[in-house]
């Protein structure tokens, strides 16, 4: 009985553990995903963006990234000094540095497209059936297994 349970767990655990992968630093896949996030970040935060990557997860045609945009060499981006801060007084006055960026992507052909994103979220907006149905494999902390 216990042997059968142990065997079942050993078979299922790798499946759970491999629900997503993280592209290696310097890989073309990682670069393509970050470049697509960079386009959104530069429109909102200004030119010359680098990322500190907290999470970058891929599963099939979907991906999730938790990033910290910064200026080259580690310069902190001040919300009030950004194009988004110019357009949105709340962001300029209430957002805090360093800025966090969360992005949900979908692959279209060879291109990764940011479908939803946020800067400085204080809640896990992606913890929603709307997102979990498609991105649940890359968000296991928030979404039930898909």
Protein backbone atom coordinates (compact mmCIF):
# COMPACT_ATOMS: atom_id res chain seq x y z
CA UNK A 1 0.00 0.00 0.00
CA UNK A 2 2.68 2.52 1.04
CA UNK A 3 4.94 1.43 -1.79
CA UNK A 4 2.15 2.05 -4.31
CA UNK A 5 1.54 5.54 -2.85
CA UNK A 6 5.24 6.37 -2.90
CA UNK A 7 5.55 5.16 -6.50
CA UNK A 8 2.56 7.29 -7.54
CA UNK A 9 4.07 10.38 -5.91
CA UNK A 10 7.43 9.81 -7.58
CA UNK A 11 5.70 9.56 -10.95
CA UNK A 12 3.53 12.67 -10.45
CA UNK A 13 6.03 15.03 -8.79
CA UNK A 14 8.23 15.54 -11.86
CA UNK A 15 5.12 16.46 -13.85
CA UNK A 16 4.19 19.15 -11.32
CA UNK A 17 7.79 20.38 -11.08
CA UNK A 18 8.09 20.66 -14.86
CA UNK A 19 4.89 22.65 -15.45
CA UNK A 20 7.09 25.55 -16.61
CA UNK A 21 10.71 26.17 -17.52
CA UNK A 22 12.96 29.17 -17.08
CA UNK A 23 15.05 30.12 -20.12
CA UNK A 24 18.76 30.30 -19.44
CA UNK A 25 20.46 33.63 -19.04
CA UNK A 26 21.85 34.71 -22.41
CA UNK A 27 19.56 32.41 -24.42
CA UNK A 28 17.77 33.68 -27.53
CA UNK A 29 14.39 32.74 -26.05
CA UNK A 30 15.04 34.81 -22.93
CA UNK A 31 16.27 37.72 -25.04
CA UNK A 32 13.15 37.66 -27.27
CA UNK A 33 10.81 37.69 -24.26
CA UNK A 34 12.69 40.47 -22.48
CA UNK A 35 12.93 42.53 -25.68
CA UNK A 36 9.16 42.35 -26.07
CA UNK A 37 8.73 43.52 -22.45
CA UNK A 38 11.31 46.24 -23.08
CA UNK A 39 9.13 47.80 -25.80
CA UNK A 40 6.29 48.26 -23.29
CA UNK A 41 8.66 49.40 -20.54
CA UNK A 42 10.34 52.01 -22.73
CA UNK A 43 6.99 53.46 -23.83
CA UNK A 44 5.96 53.78 -20.18
CA UNK A 45 9.25 54.46 -18.40
CA UNK A 46 11.49 56.02 -21.06
CA UNK A 47 14.38 54.81 -23.17
CA UNK A 48 17.34 52.69 -22.06
CA UNK A 49 15.80 49.94 -19.94
CA UNK A 50 17.55 46.94 -18.40
CA UNK A 51 15.77 44.33 -16.31
CA UNK A 52 16.53 42.57 -13.07
CA UNK A 53 14.65 39.30 -13.58
CA UNK A 54 12.91 37.84 -10.54
CA UNK A 55 10.90 35.23 -12.46
CA UNK A 56 10.74 34.32 -16.14
CA UNK A 57 8.60 31.25 -16.74
CA UNK A 58 7.53 29.57 -19.97
CA UNK A 59 5.07 26.78 -20.63
CA UNK A 60 4.20 26.08 -24.24
CA UNK A 61 2.86 29.26 -25.82
CA UNK A 62 2.53 31.32 -22.61
CA UNK A 63 4.99 33.02 -20.28
CA UNK A 64 5.06 35.13 -17.12
CA UNK A 65 7.75 37.59 -16.07
CA UNK A 66 8.30 39.43 -12.81
CA UNK A 67 10.83 42.15 -13.56
CA UNK A 68 12.43 45.23 -12.09
CA UNK A 69 13.17 47.77 -14.83
CA UNK A 70 16.20 49.96 -14.28
CA UNK A 71 18.50 52.28 -16.19
CA UNK A 72 21.76 50.84 -17.55
CA UNK A 73 24.21 50.12 -14.77
CA UNK A 74 21.49 49.82 -12.13
CA UNK A 75 20.05 53.35 -12.12
CA UNK A 76 16.74 53.54 -10.26
CA UNK A 77 13.81 54.82 -12.32
CA UNK A 78 11.83 57.54 -10.53
CA UNK A 79 8.10 57.24 -11.40
CA UNK A 80 7.59 61.03 -11.59
CA UNK A 81 10.37 61.26 -14.22
CA UNK A 82 8.77 58.87 -16.72
CA UNK A 83 6.42 59.22 -19.69
CA UNK A 84 3.83 57.22 -17.70
CA UNK A 85 4.26 59.66 -14.81
CA UNK A 86 3.58 62.53 -17.25
CA UNK A 87 0.38 60.82 -18.46
CA UNK A 88 -0.84 59.51 -15.11
CA UNK A 89 -0.61 61.77 -12.03
CA UNK A 90 -1.34 58.82 -9.71
CA UNK A 91 1.70 56.93 -11.01
CA UNK A 92 3.89 60.02 -10.68
CA UNK A 93 2.78 60.71 -7.09
CA UNK A 94 1.92 57.32 -5.60
CA UNK A 95 4.12 54.70 -7.28
CA UNK A 96 7.38 53.98 -5.53
CA UNK A 97 10.86 53.14 -6.73
CA UNK A 98 12.20 50.67 -7.55
CA UNK A 99 9.36 49.91 -9.94
CA UNK A 100 8.19 46.32 -10.39
CA UNK A 101 6.77 45.07 -13.68
CA UNK A 102 4.62 41.95 -14.13
CA UNK A 103 3.86 40.67 -17.62
CA UNK A 104 1.77 37.86 -19.12
CA UNK A 105 2.92 36.88 -22.63
CA UNK A 106 1.59 34.71 -25.44
CA UNK A 107 3.74 33.46 -28.28
CA UNK A 108 2.49 34.29 -31.77
CA UNK A 109 4.66 32.54 -34.36
CA UNK A 110 8.23 33.36 -33.37
CA UNK A 111 7.26 36.49 -31.44
CA UNK A 112 6.37 36.87 -27.74
CA UNK A 113 3.56 39.38 -27.22
CA UNK A 114 2.86 41.11 -23.88
CA UNK A 115 -0.89 40.52 -23.43
CA UNK A 116 -1.31 42.06 -19.97
CA UNK A 117 1.20 43.98 -17.84
CA UNK A 118 1.42 46.28 -14.86
CA UNK A 119 3.91 48.54 -13.12
CA UNK A 120 4.04 48.65 -9.34
CA UNK A 121 1.13 46.29 -8.66
CA UNK A 122 0.38 45.93 -4.97
CA UNK A 123 -1.87 42.90 -5.49
CA UNK A 124 -1.59 39.79 -7.66
CA UNK A 125 -4.05 40.93 -10.38
CA UNK A 126 -3.24 37.76 -12.36
CA UNK A 127 -4.81 35.64 -9.57
CA UNK A 128 -8.08 35.56 -11.48
CA UNK A 129 -9.91 32.82 -13.41
CA UNK A 130 -9.64 35.02 -16.50
CA UNK A 131 -5.84 34.65 -16.43
CA UNK A 132 -5.49 31.34 -14.60
CA UNK A 133 -7.33 29.48 -17.36
CA UNK A 134 -4.51 30.26 -19.80
CA UNK A 135 -1.47 31.18 -17.68
CA UNK A 136 -2.06 28.87 -14.70
CA UNK A 137 0.89 26.64 -15.62
CA UNK A 138 3.31 29.56 -15.16
CA UNK A 139 1.49 30.89 -12.07
CA UNK A 140 1.21 27.83 -9.81
CA UNK A 141 1.45 29.89 -6.60
CA UNK A 142 -1.79 31.66 -7.49
CA UNK A 143 -3.68 29.34 -9.81
CA UNK A 144 -4.96 25.81 -9.28
CA UNK A 145 -3.26 23.24 -11.53
CA UNK A 146 -4.52 23.43 -15.11
